[in-house]
Structures are given as C-alpha cells and as structure tokens.
Amino acid sequence: MKALWITPLLLAGCVEQELDVSVEAGNVLFQENCAACHGADAKGMGDLGEQLFTMPPDLTVLAADNGGNFPRDYVLGVIDGFERGSHFSAAMPEFGAGDMGPTVVVEDEFGLGTPIPARLLALGSWLESIQE
C-alpha cells in the first residue's frame, strides 16, 4: 500500500512545466525585444529602426513574399542568428547567442523532432499570426 502513495509523488516530480508558446506570449516578446526597431506593428517603423542606416523590414509580408507560405524555419533561423546572409544589418541581434530558455520538441511532417526554444517558437507564432 505504501508504494501506491510513493509512485504518484515520484511521477509528479517528473512532470515538466508547461511552456507558453502562444501567439500572445510571442507578442509580449516582440514588444519587449523587437518593436524598438521593427515597430509595435512589425512594419519596420520603430523609433530606433528609423535611425538605422538600413530600415528594418516589414515583417507582416513574409508570407506574401514567400508565395503565401509563412517561412517559419527561415524566420526562426534569422532571429536565432543561424540563418543570416551578408545583407542583414549588424544592428539585428543574434538572439541565439544568449540563453533563449527551455526548449520544446517540434516535429516536422516526417515525425523528426527538433528542439526549439519556447520563446523563439512563441515569437514565430506571433509573426505568423500578423501576416497580411
């Protein structure tokens, strides 16, 4: 009988905390980390962005520029710093160089799982939600 009480306690210790990858969480992250350059509406007209030599891009047309499909993996790679060409402004931080926090495993269409920082995934979800 004692083992029945111990098992639930041990399992409770193994349950991972739910990570917020919601659109709302992504919006908060964008406003805190990106809006100064890209603008609160992500159209590239933030107060700091207006002072840069190269204006930050309008992030609401990423899907339109990609045949109507939001290029999630590319966008996450750019934010992370993994997917950058020489045309990117040096003002764009490589957020992956710092601690992006806990990860969640995201499966592709073949069932292959890739760990992605939850904050990065939330930011990508918000960006996808604002496409015009």
Protein backbone atom coordinates (compact mmCIF):
# COMPACT_ATOMS: atom_id res chain seq x y z
CA MET A 1 0.00 0.00 0.00
CA LYS A 2 2.88 2.37 0.72
CA ALA A 3 4.17 2.06 -2.86
CA LEU A 4 0.88 3.40 -4.21
CA TRP A 5 1.48 6.67 -2.40
CA ILE A 6 5.13 6.98 -3.41
CA THR A 7 4.55 6.39 -7.14
CA PRO A 8 2.30 9.45 -7.72
CA LEU A 9 4.75 11.66 -5.83
CA LEU A 10 7.65 10.47 -7.95
CA LEU A 11 5.68 10.97 -11.15
CA ALA A 12 4.65 14.45 -10.08
CA GLY A 13 8.33 15.36 -9.85
CA CYS A 14 8.85 14.28 -13.46
CA VAL A 15 6.11 16.43 -14.97
CA GLU A 16 7.63 19.31 -16.92
CA GLN A 17 6.33 22.83 -16.55
CA GLU A 18 4.07 23.89 -19.42
CA LEU A 19 5.92 26.33 -21.67
CA ASP A 20 3.97 29.18 -23.21
CA VAL A 21 4.43 29.17 -26.98
CA SER A 22 1.20 31.06 -27.63
CA VAL A 23 0.69 33.94 -30.03
CA GLU A 24 0.07 36.19 -27.01
CA ALA A 25 3.40 35.23 -25.43
CA GLY A 26 5.09 35.89 -28.77
CA ASN A 27 3.53 39.36 -28.94
CA VAL A 28 4.89 40.20 -25.49
CA LEU A 29 8.36 39.01 -26.53
CA PHE A 30 8.18 41.01 -29.76
CA GLN A 31 7.16 44.20 -27.95
CA GLU A 32 9.99 43.74 -25.43
CA ASN A 33 12.76 42.75 -27.85
CA CYS A 34 11.92 43.77 -31.42
CA ALA A 35 9.44 46.66 -31.53
CA ALA A 36 12.09 49.34 -30.99
CA CYS A 37 13.42 48.62 -34.48
CA HIS A 38 10.57 46.84 -36.28
CA GLY A 39 7.74 48.91 -34.76
CA ALA A 40 4.95 47.69 -32.49
CA ASP A 41 3.04 46.61 -35.61
CA ALA A 42 6.16 44.92 -37.12
CA LYS A 43 6.08 47.11 -40.22
CA GLY A 44 9.64 48.39 -39.73
CA MET A 45 8.92 51.84 -38.35
CA GLY A 46 10.15 51.63 -34.75
CA ASP A 47 11.77 54.66 -33.14
CA LEU A 48 15.22 53.04 -33.14
CA GLY A 49 14.70 51.49 -36.57
CA GLU A 50 14.10 54.91 -38.12
CA GLN A 51 17.61 55.92 -37.01
CA LEU A 52 19.36 52.98 -38.65
CA PHE A 53 21.19 53.21 -41.96
CA THR A 54 19.08 50.35 -43.33
CA MET A 55 15.42 50.34 -42.31
CA PRO A 56 14.24 47.11 -40.67
CA PRO A 57 11.95 45.12 -42.97
CA ASP A 58 8.18 44.93 -42.79
CA LEU A 59 7.64 41.59 -41.06
CA THR A 60 3.94 41.44 -41.93
CA VAL A 61 4.64 40.48 -45.55
CA LEU A 62 6.94 37.49 -45.01
CA ALA A 63 4.29 35.03 -46.19
CA ALA A 64 3.31 37.20 -49.17
CA ASP A 65 6.98 37.38 -50.18
CA ASN A 66 7.16 33.59 -49.94
CA GLY A 67 4.28 32.60 -52.22
CA GLY A 68 1.69 32.84 -49.45
CA ASN A 69 3.51 30.45 -47.10
CA PHE A 70 5.00 31.70 -43.85
CA PRO A 71 8.66 30.58 -43.86
CA ARG A 72 8.72 29.62 -40.18
CA ASP A 73 12.01 27.74 -40.14
CA TYR A 74 13.81 30.50 -42.03
CA VAL A 75 12.34 33.21 -39.76
CA LEU A 76 13.32 31.31 -36.62
CA GLY A 77 16.81 30.84 -38.04
CA VAL A 78 17.15 34.57 -38.73
CA ILE A 79 16.03 35.53 -35.23
CA ASP A 80 18.31 32.91 -33.71
CA GLY A 81 21.23 34.09 -35.85
CA PHE A 82 21.76 30.76 -37.61
CA GLU A 83 20.26 31.84 -40.95
CA ARG A 84 21.88 35.14 -41.83
CA GLY A 85 23.33 36.45 -45.04
CA SER A 86 25.70 39.36 -45.50
CA HIS A 87 22.72 41.60 -46.39
CA PHE A 88 21.49 41.56 -42.78
CA SER A 89 22.11 44.64 -40.70
CA ALA A 90 24.64 44.28 -37.91
CA ALA A 91 22.04 46.04 -35.73
CA MET A 92 19.95 42.82 -35.73
CA PRO A 93 20.98 40.90 -32.61
CA GLU A 94 21.69 37.18 -32.80
CA PHE A 95 19.28 36.14 -30.08
CA GLY A 96 20.56 32.56 -30.17
CA ALA A 97 23.93 33.77 -28.88
CA GLY A 98 22.29 34.24 -25.48
CA ASP A 99 20.17 31.97 -23.35
CA MET A 100 16.83 31.55 -25.07
CA GLY A 101 15.49 29.39 -22.27
CA PRO A 102 13.90 25.94 -22.23
CA THR A 103 13.11 24.13 -25.45
CA VAL A 104 10.12 22.25 -26.80
CA VAL A 105 10.37 19.50 -29.38
CA VAL A 106 8.61 20.32 -32.64
CA GLU A 107 8.02 17.50 -35.10
CA ASP A 108 8.19 18.01 -38.85
CA GLU A 109 5.96 16.26 -41.39
CA PHE A 110 8.17 13.16 -41.17
CA GLY A 111 7.96 12.91 -37.38
CA LEU A 112 11.53 14.15 -36.86
CA GLY A 113 11.69 16.19 -33.67
CA THR A 114 13.77 19.35 -33.33
CA PRO A 115 14.24 21.14 -30.02
CA ILE A 116 13.35 24.82 -30.39
CA PRO A 117 13.50 27.39 -27.61
CA ALA A 118 9.92 28.01 -26.45
CA ARG A 119 10.39 31.78 -26.56
CA LEU A 120 11.62 31.60 -30.15
CA LEU A 121 8.68 29.42 -31.14
CA ALA A 122 6.22 31.84 -29.49
CA LEU A 123 7.78 34.75 -31.36
CA GLY A 124 7.49 32.85 -34.63
CA SER A 125 3.84 32.05 -33.88
CA TRP A 126 3.06 35.72 -33.34
CA LEU A 127 4.86 36.73 -36.54
CA GLU A 128 2.89 34.13 -38.45
CA SER A 129 -0.36 35.46 -36.97
CA ILE A 130 0.21 39.02 -38.26
CA GLN A 131 0.84 38.14 -41.91
CA GLU A 132 -1.15 40.21 -44.40
